[in-house]
Amino acid sequence: MLKRTKEAAAAYIDTTDSPKLKGLTVAQLFGLEWESAPREQLNWRSRMNALFKGLDQYGIGLLITVDEVSASLDEMISFAATYQLFVREGKRVGLLMAGLPHQVSALLRNQTVSFLRRSVQHRLSGVADQEVAQALVQTIASEGRTATLRSLGRCLRTKM
């Protein structure tokens, strides 16, 4: 996630750790000496805080999206707890998570991320087969092909 965030922020802040020219030798042979900046061993929260600081000068925040929530992943619990700290610190950050109902429920039951229970939640209902088929017909047509509702019904094993 940090790598994708850095890529998105690259237009606003310098996110590179490129080496710098340290010396130039002209003797019997031409030579260059490069020096790389020492890499600090920062944790994810510290690296994200540096990104927030760089983006904040432009009034830009960050929306983090998570698809396929899984409460069984320790990283998910750790991430959610760290997100809570970002909010407490007043960072310009938002979180949008999606997942299967049983996974979302399991995450909400975890005591470490109890603050998520106070978040705004939306349950999505199923999409009618007819609407799915119509969307497929339109998508196929946008590519210059055709499909009938009947043929899609056979593919989806439902009556259209």
N, C-alpha and C. Protein backbone atom coordinates (compact mmCIF):
# COMPACT_ATOMS: atom_id res chain seq x y z
N MET A 1 0.83 -1.18 0.00
CA MET A 1 0.00 0.00 0.00
C MET A 1 0.88 1.26 0.00
N LEU A 2 1.98 1.23 0.73
CA LEU A 2 2.84 2.40 0.78
C LEU A 2 3.39 2.72 -0.59
N LYS A 3 3.79 1.70 -1.34
CA LYS A 3 4.35 1.92 -2.67
C LYS A 3 3.34 2.60 -3.59
N ARG A 4 2.07 2.12 -3.59
CA ARG A 4 1.03 2.72 -4.43
C ARG A 4 0.75 4.15 -3.99
N THR A 5 0.78 4.42 -2.70
CA THR A 5 0.55 5.77 -2.18
C THR A 5 1.66 6.70 -2.63
N LYS A 6 2.91 6.21 -2.56
CA LYS A 6 4.03 7.02 -3.01
C LYS A 6 3.91 7.35 -4.50
N GLU A 7 3.50 6.37 -5.30
CA GLU A 7 3.32 6.60 -6.73
C GLU A 7 2.28 7.69 -6.97
N ALA A 8 1.18 7.62 -6.25
CA ALA A 8 0.11 8.60 -6.43
C ALA A 8 0.53 9.99 -5.96
N ALA A 9 1.41 10.05 -4.98
CA ALA A 9 1.83 11.34 -4.41
C ALA A 9 3.04 11.93 -5.12
N ALA A 10 3.63 11.20 -6.04
CA ALA A 10 4.89 11.61 -6.67
C ALA A 10 4.81 12.98 -7.35
N ALA A 11 3.63 13.37 -7.82
CA ALA A 11 3.48 14.67 -8.48
C ALA A 11 3.59 15.82 -7.48
N TYR A 12 3.45 15.52 -6.21
CA TYR A 12 3.44 16.57 -5.19
C TYR A 12 4.65 16.55 -4.27
N ILE A 13 5.18 15.38 -4.00
CA ILE A 13 6.31 15.31 -3.09
C ILE A 13 7.38 14.38 -3.65
N ASP A 14 8.63 14.62 -3.27
CA ASP A 14 9.73 13.78 -3.71
C ASP A 14 9.72 12.50 -2.89
N THR A 15 9.48 11.40 -3.55
CA THR A 15 9.41 10.12 -2.85
C THR A 15 10.56 9.20 -3.24
N THR A 16 11.57 9.74 -3.89
CA THR A 16 12.67 8.90 -4.35
C THR A 16 13.80 8.88 -3.34
N ASP A 17 14.53 7.82 -3.36
CA ASP A 17 15.74 7.68 -2.56
C ASP A 17 16.91 7.50 -3.51
N SER A 18 17.00 8.37 -4.53
CA SER A 18 18.01 8.18 -5.56
C SER A 18 19.39 8.52 -5.05
N PRO A 19 20.40 7.80 -5.58
CA PRO A 19 21.77 8.08 -5.17
C PRO A 19 22.23 9.45 -5.67
N LYS A 20 23.20 10.03 -4.96
CA LYS A 20 23.71 11.34 -5.32
C LYS A 20 25.20 11.21 -5.69
N LEU A 21 25.64 12.05 -6.60
CA LEU A 21 27.05 12.04 -7.02
C LEU A 21 27.91 12.51 -5.86
N LYS A 22 28.87 11.66 -5.45
CA LYS A 22 29.74 11.98 -4.33
C LYS A 22 31.10 12.48 -4.82
N GLY A 23 31.56 11.94 -5.92
CA GLY A 23 32.87 12.35 -6.39
C GLY A 23 33.08 12.02 -7.85
N LEU A 24 34.05 12.70 -8.44
CA LEU A 24 34.40 12.51 -9.84
C LEU A 24 35.92 12.45 -9.92
N THR A 25 36.42 11.41 -10.51
CA THR A 25 37.87 11.24 -10.62
C THR A 25 38.28 11.27 -12.08
N VAL A 26 39.26 12.11 -12.40
CA VAL A 26 39.82 12.13 -13.74
C VAL A 26 41.32 11.89 -13.58
N ALA A 27 41.73 10.70 -13.82
CA ALA A 27 43.15 10.33 -13.73
C ALA A 27 43.45 9.50 -14.96
N GLN A 28 44.08 8.38 -14.76
CA GLN A 28 44.32 7.51 -15.90
C GLN A 28 43.00 6.99 -16.46
N LEU A 29 42.02 6.83 -15.58
CA LEU A 29 40.69 6.38 -16.00
C LEU A 29 39.66 7.33 -15.43
N PHE A 30 38.63 7.49 -16.16
CA PHE A 30 37.52 8.32 -15.72
C PHE A 30 36.72 7.51 -14.70
N GLY A 31 36.29 8.13 -13.61
CA GLY A 31 35.51 7.39 -12.62
C GLY A 31 34.49 8.27 -11.93
N LEU A 32 33.43 7.65 -11.53
CA LEU A 32 32.39 8.31 -10.76
C LEU A 32 32.18 7.55 -9.47
N GLU A 33 31.87 8.28 -8.42
CA GLU A 33 31.55 7.63 -7.15
C GLU A 33 30.19 8.12 -6.69
N TRP A 34 29.32 7.16 -6.40
CA TRP A 34 27.95 7.48 -5.99
C TRP A 34 27.78 7.19 -4.52
N GLU A 35 26.91 7.98 -3.92
CA GLU A 35 26.59 7.78 -2.51
C GLU A 35 25.08 7.68 -2.38
N SER A 36 24.64 6.62 -1.77
CA SER A 36 23.21 6.46 -1.53
C SER A 36 22.88 6.98 -0.15
N ALA A 37 21.73 7.59 -0.05
CA ALA A 37 21.29 8.06 1.26
C ALA A 37 21.06 6.85 2.16
N PRO A 38 21.47 6.93 3.40
CA PRO A 38 21.23 5.78 4.29
C PRO A 38 19.73 5.56 4.44
N ARG A 39 19.35 4.32 4.34
CA ARG A 39 17.93 3.98 4.46
C ARG A 39 17.58 3.78 5.93
N GLU A 40 16.67 4.60 6.39
CA GLU A 40 16.20 4.45 7.75
C GLU A 40 15.24 3.27 7.81
N GLN A 41 15.31 2.55 8.87
CA GLN A 41 14.41 1.42 9.06
C GLN A 41 13.16 1.91 9.79
N LEU A 42 12.29 2.59 9.05
CA LEU A 42 11.07 3.13 9.63
C LEU A 42 9.94 2.14 9.47
N ASN A 43 9.05 2.12 10.44
CA ASN A 43 7.88 1.26 10.30
C ASN A 43 6.87 1.92 9.37
N TRP A 44 5.83 1.17 9.04
CA TRP A 44 4.82 1.64 8.09
C TRP A 44 4.18 2.94 8.56
N ARG A 45 3.87 3.03 9.83
CA ARG A 45 3.22 4.24 10.36
C ARG A 45 4.12 5.47 10.18
N SER A 46 5.40 5.34 10.48
CA SER A 46 6.32 6.46 10.32
C SER A 46 6.46 6.88 8.86
N ARG A 47 6.54 5.92 7.96
CA ARG A 47 6.65 6.25 6.54
C ARG A 47 5.37 6.92 6.04
N MET A 48 4.22 6.45 6.51
CA MET A 48 2.96 7.08 6.12
C MET A 48 2.87 8.50 6.68
N ASN A 49 3.34 8.71 7.91
CA ASN A 49 3.33 10.06 8.49
C ASN A 49 4.15 11.02 7.65
N ALA A 50 5.29 10.55 7.11
CA ALA A 50 6.10 11.40 6.24
C ALA A 50 5.33 11.75 4.97
N LEU A 51 4.59 10.80 4.42
CA LEU A 51 3.77 11.08 3.24
C LEU A 51 2.66 12.08 3.57
N PHE A 52 2.00 11.88 4.71
CA PHE A 52 0.94 12.81 5.11
C PHE A 52 1.50 14.23 5.22
N LYS A 53 2.66 14.34 5.79
CA LYS A 53 3.28 15.67 5.96
C LYS A 53 3.54 16.31 4.61
N GLY A 54 4.06 15.54 3.66
CA GLY A 54 4.33 16.08 2.33
C GLY A 54 3.06 16.47 1.60
N LEU A 55 2.01 15.67 1.72
CA LEU A 55 0.75 15.96 1.04
C LEU A 55 -0.01 17.11 1.69
N ASP A 56 0.14 17.24 3.00
CA ASP A 56 -0.61 18.26 3.74
C ASP A 56 -0.28 19.67 3.26
N GLN A 57 0.94 19.91 2.83
CA GLN A 57 1.30 21.25 2.37
C GLN A 57 0.52 21.65 1.11
N TYR A 58 -0.07 20.70 0.44
CA TYR A 58 -0.90 20.98 -0.74
C TYR A 58 -2.39 20.87 -0.42
N GLY A 59 -2.70 20.60 0.84
CA GLY A 59 -4.10 20.46 1.23
C GLY A 59 -4.71 19.16 0.71
N ILE A 60 -3.88 18.17 0.48
CA ILE A 60 -4.33 16.89 -0.08
C ILE A 60 -4.38 15.85 1.02
N GLY A 61 -5.45 15.09 1.04
CA GLY A 61 -5.58 13.99 1.98
C GLY A 61 -5.41 12.66 1.27
N LEU A 62 -5.71 11.61 1.97
CA LEU A 62 -5.53 10.27 1.44
C LEU A 62 -6.75 9.43 1.76
N LEU A 63 -7.30 8.79 0.74
CA LEU A 63 -8.39 7.83 0.92
C LEU A 63 -7.80 6.45 0.73
N ILE A 64 -7.87 5.63 1.76
CA ILE A 64 -7.35 4.27 1.71
C ILE A 64 -8.53 3.34 1.46
N THR A 65 -8.41 2.49 0.45
CA THR A 65 -9.47 1.54 0.15
C THR A 65 -8.96 0.13 0.37
N VAL A 66 -9.79 -0.69 0.99
CA VAL A 66 -9.45 -2.09 1.24
C VAL A 66 -10.60 -2.94 0.74
N ASP A 67 -10.30 -3.82 -0.19
CA ASP A 67 -11.31 -4.75 -0.70
C ASP A 67 -11.01 -6.13 -0.11
N GLU A 68 -12.03 -6.91 0.07
CA GLU A 68 -11.89 -8.27 0.61
C GLU A 68 -11.32 -8.26 2.02
N VAL A 69 -12.01 -7.57 2.92
CA VAL A 69 -11.63 -7.54 4.33
C VAL A 69 -11.51 -8.97 4.84
N SER A 70 -10.46 -9.24 5.60
CA SER A 70 -10.27 -10.56 6.21
C SER A 70 -9.79 -10.37 7.64
N ALA A 71 -10.66 -10.67 8.58
CA ALA A 71 -10.33 -10.49 9.99
C ALA A 71 -9.28 -11.49 10.45
N SER A 72 -9.03 -12.53 9.68
CA SER A 72 -8.04 -13.54 10.07
C SER A 72 -6.60 -13.08 9.79
N LEU A 73 -6.44 -12.00 9.07
CA LEU A 73 -5.10 -11.48 8.77
C LEU A 73 -4.65 -10.54 9.88
N ASP A 74 -3.52 -10.85 10.50
CA ASP A 74 -2.98 -9.98 11.53
C ASP A 74 -2.70 -8.59 10.98
N GLU A 75 -2.28 -8.53 9.70
CA GLU A 75 -1.97 -7.25 9.07
C GLU A 75 -3.21 -6.36 8.99
N MET A 76 -4.38 -6.96 8.80
CA MET A 76 -5.62 -6.19 8.71
C MET A 76 -5.93 -5.54 10.05
N ILE A 77 -5.75 -6.28 11.12
CA ILE A 77 -6.00 -5.75 12.47
C ILE A 77 -4.98 -4.64 12.77
N SER A 78 -3.73 -4.89 12.46
CA SER A 78 -2.68 -3.90 12.69
C SER A 78 -2.93 -2.63 11.88
N PHE A 79 -3.30 -2.81 10.63
CA PHE A 79 -3.60 -1.65 9.78
C PHE A 79 -4.75 -0.83 10.35
N ALA A 80 -5.84 -1.49 10.72
CA ALA A 80 -7.01 -0.78 11.24
C ALA A 80 -6.66 -0.02 12.53
N ALA A 81 -5.85 -0.62 13.38
CA ALA A 81 -5.44 0.06 14.61
C ALA A 81 -4.57 1.28 14.29
N THR A 82 -3.70 1.15 13.31
CA THR A 82 -2.85 2.28 12.91
C THR A 82 -3.69 3.38 12.27
N TYR A 83 -4.68 2.99 11.47
CA TYR A 83 -5.58 3.98 10.87
C TYR A 83 -6.24 4.81 11.97
N GLN A 84 -6.66 4.15 13.04
CA GLN A 84 -7.29 4.87 14.14
C GLN A 84 -6.35 5.94 14.71
N LEU A 85 -5.08 5.63 14.79
CA LEU A 85 -4.11 6.61 15.28
C LEU A 85 -4.00 7.79 14.32
N PHE A 86 -4.03 7.53 13.02
CA PHE A 86 -4.01 8.62 12.04
C PHE A 86 -5.18 9.57 12.27
N VAL A 87 -6.35 9.00 12.51
CA VAL A 87 -7.55 9.82 12.74
C VAL A 87 -7.39 10.65 14.01
N ARG A 88 -6.93 10.02 15.08
CA ARG A 88 -6.72 10.74 16.35
C ARG A 88 -5.73 11.88 16.19
N GLU A 89 -4.73 11.69 15.33
CA GLU A 89 -3.70 12.71 15.12
C GLU A 89 -4.17 13.80 14.16
N GLY A 90 -5.38 13.69 13.65
CA GLY A 90 -5.92 14.72 12.78
C GLY A 90 -5.41 14.66 11.35
N LYS A 91 -4.90 13.52 10.93
CA LYS A 91 -4.44 13.38 9.54
C LYS A 91 -5.64 13.47 8.60
N ARG A 92 -5.38 13.98 7.41
CA ARG A 92 -6.43 14.02 6.38
C ARG A 92 -6.49 12.64 5.74
N VAL A 93 -7.26 11.77 6.34
CA VAL A 93 -7.31 10.39 5.89
C VAL A 93 -8.71 9.84 6.02
N GLY A 94 -9.09 9.04 5.05
CA GLY A 94 -10.37 8.36 5.08
C GLY A 94 -10.15 6.89 4.76
N LEU A 95 -11.09 6.07 5.15
CA LEU A 95 -10.97 4.63 4.95
C LEU A 95 -12.27 4.08 4.40
N LEU A 96 -12.16 3.32 3.35
CA LEU A 96 -13.31 2.65 2.73
C LEU A 96 -12.95 1.17 2.63
N MET A 97 -13.72 0.34 3.33
CA MET A 97 -13.45 -1.10 3.35
C MET A 97 -14.66 -1.85 2.84
N ALA A 98 -14.40 -2.96 2.16
CA ALA A 98 -15.48 -3.80 1.66
C ALA A 98 -15.11 -5.25 1.90
N GLY A 99 -16.12 -6.05 2.12
CA GLY A 99 -15.86 -7.47 2.33
C GLY A 99 -17.14 -8.24 2.50
N LEU A 100 -17.01 -9.54 2.52
CA LEU A 100 -18.16 -10.40 2.75
C LEU A 100 -18.68 -10.17 4.16
N PRO A 101 -20.01 -10.24 4.33
CA PRO A 101 -20.59 -9.91 5.64
C PRO A 101 -19.96 -10.64 6.83
N HIS A 102 -19.68 -11.94 6.70
CA HIS A 102 -19.10 -12.67 7.85
C HIS A 102 -17.68 -12.19 8.16
N GLN A 103 -16.92 -11.75 7.16
CA GLN A 103 -15.58 -11.23 7.41
C GLN A 103 -15.64 -9.86 8.07
N VAL A 104 -16.55 -9.01 7.60
CA VAL A 104 -16.71 -7.69 8.20
C VAL A 104 -17.16 -7.82 9.65
N SER A 105 -18.11 -8.73 9.90
CA SER A 105 -18.58 -8.95 11.28
C SER A 105 -17.46 -9.42 12.18
N ALA A 106 -16.63 -10.33 11.69
CA ALA A 106 -15.51 -10.84 12.48
C ALA A 106 -14.53 -9.70 12.80
N LEU A 107 -14.28 -8.84 11.84
CA LEU A 107 -13.38 -7.71 12.08
C LEU A 107 -13.98 -6.77 13.13
N LEU A 108 -15.27 -6.50 13.03
CA LEU A 108 -15.91 -5.59 13.98
C LEU A 108 -15.93 -6.16 15.40
N ARG A 109 -15.88 -7.47 15.54
CA ARG A 109 -15.87 -8.09 16.87
C ARG A 109 -14.49 -8.03 17.53
N ASN A 110 -13.45 -7.75 16.77
CA ASN A 110 -12.10 -7.70 17.33
C ASN A 110 -11.97 -6.49 18.25
N GLN A 111 -11.51 -6.71 19.49
CA GLN A 111 -11.42 -5.64 20.48
C GLN A 111 -10.39 -4.57 20.12
N THR A 112 -9.37 -4.94 19.36
CA THR A 112 -8.32 -3.99 19.00
C THR A 112 -8.85 -2.87 18.11
N VAL A 113 -9.85 -3.17 17.30
CA VAL A 113 -10.36 -2.19 16.34
C VAL A 113 -11.83 -1.86 16.62
N SER A 114 -12.17 -1.79 17.89
CA SER A 114 -13.56 -1.53 18.27
C SER A 114 -14.07 -0.20 17.73
N PHE A 115 -13.16 0.75 17.45
CA PHE A 115 -13.59 2.05 16.91
C PHE A 115 -14.31 1.88 15.58
N LEU A 116 -14.03 0.79 14.86
CA LEU A 116 -14.70 0.58 13.56
C LEU A 116 -16.21 0.39 13.72
N ARG A 117 -16.63 -0.06 14.89
CA ARG A 117 -18.07 -0.25 15.13
C ARG A 117 -18.83 1.07 15.05
N ARG A 118 -18.13 2.17 15.29
CA ARG A 118 -18.77 3.49 15.23
C ARG A 118 -18.73 4.09 13.83
N SER A 119 -18.14 3.38 12.89
CA SER A 119 -18.05 3.91 11.53
C SER A 119 -19.39 3.77 10.80
N VAL A 120 -19.52 4.51 9.74
CA VAL A 120 -20.74 4.42 8.92
C VAL A 120 -20.64 3.15 8.09
N GLN A 121 -21.67 2.33 8.18
CA GLN A 121 -21.67 1.07 7.45
C GLN A 121 -22.85 1.02 6.50
N HIS A 122 -22.58 0.46 5.34
CA HIS A 122 -23.64 0.28 4.34
C HIS A 122 -23.64 -1.18 3.90
N ARG A 123 -24.78 -1.78 3.97
CA ARG A 123 -24.91 -3.16 3.48
C ARG A 123 -25.51 -3.09 2.07
N LEU A 124 -24.84 -3.73 1.16
CA LEU A 124 -25.31 -3.74 -0.21
C LEU A 124 -26.19 -4.96 -0.43
N SER A 125 -27.28 -4.76 -1.10
CA SER A 125 -28.15 -5.89 -1.41
C SER A 125 -27.71 -6.50 -2.73
N GLY A 126 -28.29 -7.62 -3.05
CA GLY A 126 -27.97 -8.28 -4.31
C GLY A 126 -28.46 -7.48 -5.50
N VAL A 127 -27.87 -7.71 -6.62
CA VAL A 127 -28.27 -7.06 -7.86
C VAL A 127 -29.11 -8.07 -8.64
N ALA A 128 -30.25 -7.63 -9.12
CA ALA A 128 -31.15 -8.52 -9.85
C ALA A 128 -30.46 -9.07 -11.09
N ASP A 129 -30.74 -10.35 -11.40
CA ASP A 129 -30.15 -11.00 -12.57
C ASP A 129 -30.40 -10.19 -13.84
N GLN A 130 -31.59 -9.64 -13.97
CA GLN A 130 -31.93 -8.85 -15.15
C GLN A 130 -31.02 -7.62 -15.28
N GLU A 131 -30.71 -6.98 -14.17
CA GLU A 131 -29.81 -5.81 -14.20
C GLU A 131 -28.38 -6.22 -14.56
N VAL A 132 -27.95 -7.35 -14.05
CA VAL A 132 -26.61 -7.85 -14.39
C VAL A 132 -26.54 -8.15 -15.87
N ALA A 133 -27.55 -8.82 -16.39
CA ALA A 133 -27.57 -9.18 -17.81
C ALA A 133 -27.58 -7.93 -18.68
N GLN A 134 -28.38 -6.94 -18.30
CA GLN A 134 -28.44 -5.70 -19.08
C GLN A 134 -27.09 -4.99 -19.09
N ALA A 135 -26.42 -4.96 -17.96
CA ALA A 135 -25.10 -4.34 -17.89
C ALA A 135 -24.10 -5.09 -18.76
N LEU A 136 -24.20 -6.42 -18.79
CA LEU A 136 -23.31 -7.21 -19.65
C LEU A 136 -23.59 -6.93 -21.13
N VAL A 137 -24.88 -6.86 -21.49
CA VAL A 137 -25.24 -6.56 -22.88
C VAL A 137 -24.66 -5.21 -23.29
N GLN A 138 -24.80 -4.21 -22.44
CA GLN A 138 -24.28 -2.87 -22.76
C GLN A 138 -22.75 -2.86 -22.85
N THR A 139 -22.10 -3.59 -21.96
CA THR A 139 -20.64 -3.65 -21.98
C THR A 139 -20.15 -4.33 -23.26
N ILE A 140 -20.79 -5.43 -23.61
CA ILE A 140 -20.42 -6.15 -24.84
C ILE A 140 -20.68 -5.27 -26.06
N ALA A 141 -21.80 -4.56 -26.06
CA ALA A 141 -22.13 -3.66 -27.19
C ALA A 141 -21.13 -2.52 -27.31
N SER A 142 -20.60 -2.05 -26.19
CA SER A 142 -19.63 -0.95 -26.25
C SER A 142 -18.34 -1.37 -26.96
N GLU A 143 -18.14 -2.67 -27.09
CA GLU A 143 -16.97 -3.20 -27.79
C GLU A 143 -17.32 -3.65 -29.21
N GLY A 144 -18.54 -3.29 -29.67
CA GLY A 144 -18.94 -3.61 -31.04
C GLY A 144 -19.43 -5.03 -31.23
N ARG A 145 -19.75 -5.72 -30.17
CA ARG A 145 -20.25 -7.09 -30.25
C ARG A 145 -21.70 -7.12 -29.80
N THR A 146 -22.35 -8.23 -29.97
CA THR A 146 -23.74 -8.35 -29.53
C THR A 146 -23.93 -9.60 -28.68
N ALA A 147 -24.88 -9.50 -27.80
CA ALA A 147 -25.27 -10.63 -26.96
C ALA A 147 -26.75 -10.43 -26.64
N THR A 148 -27.48 -11.51 -26.68
CA THR A 148 -28.89 -11.42 -26.33
C THR A 148 -29.07 -11.78 -24.86
N LEU A 149 -30.18 -11.35 -24.29
CA LEU A 149 -30.47 -11.70 -22.91
C LEU A 149 -30.58 -13.22 -22.77
N ARG A 150 -31.13 -13.86 -23.80
CA ARG A 150 -31.29 -15.32 -23.75
C ARG A 150 -29.92 -16.01 -23.69
N SER A 151 -28.97 -15.54 -24.53
CA SER A 151 -27.65 -16.17 -24.52
C SER A 151 -26.93 -15.92 -23.20
N LEU A 152 -27.12 -14.75 -22.65
CA LEU A 152 -26.52 -14.47 -21.34
C LEU A 152 -27.14 -15.33 -20.25
N GLY A 153 -28.43 -15.54 -20.36
CA GLY A 153 -29.13 -16.41 -19.41
C GLY A 153 -28.56 -17.82 -19.42
N ARG A 154 -28.23 -18.31 -20.60
CA ARG A 154 -27.61 -19.63 -20.69
C ARG A 154 -26.23 -19.61 -20.02
N CYS A 155 -25.49 -18.53 -20.23
CA CYS A 155 -24.17 -18.43 -19.60
C CYS A 155 -24.29 -18.34 -18.09
N LEU A 156 -25.27 -17.62 -17.62
CA LEU A 156 -25.45 -17.41 -16.19
C LEU A 156 -26.32 -18.51 -15.55
N ARG A 157 -26.84 -19.39 -16.39
CA ARG A 157 -27.72 -20.49 -15.95
C ARG A 157 -28.98 -20.00 -15.26
N THR A 158 -29.52 -18.94 -15.77
CA THR A 158 -30.79 -18.43 -15.26
C THR A 158 -31.67 -18.09 -16.45
N LYS A 159 -32.95 -17.92 -16.20
CA LYS A 159 -33.87 -17.50 -17.26
C LYS A 159 -33.90 -16.00 -17.34
N MET A 160 -33.74 -15.49 -18.53
CA MET A 160 -33.78 -14.05 -18.75
C MET A 160 -35.00 -13.70 -19.55
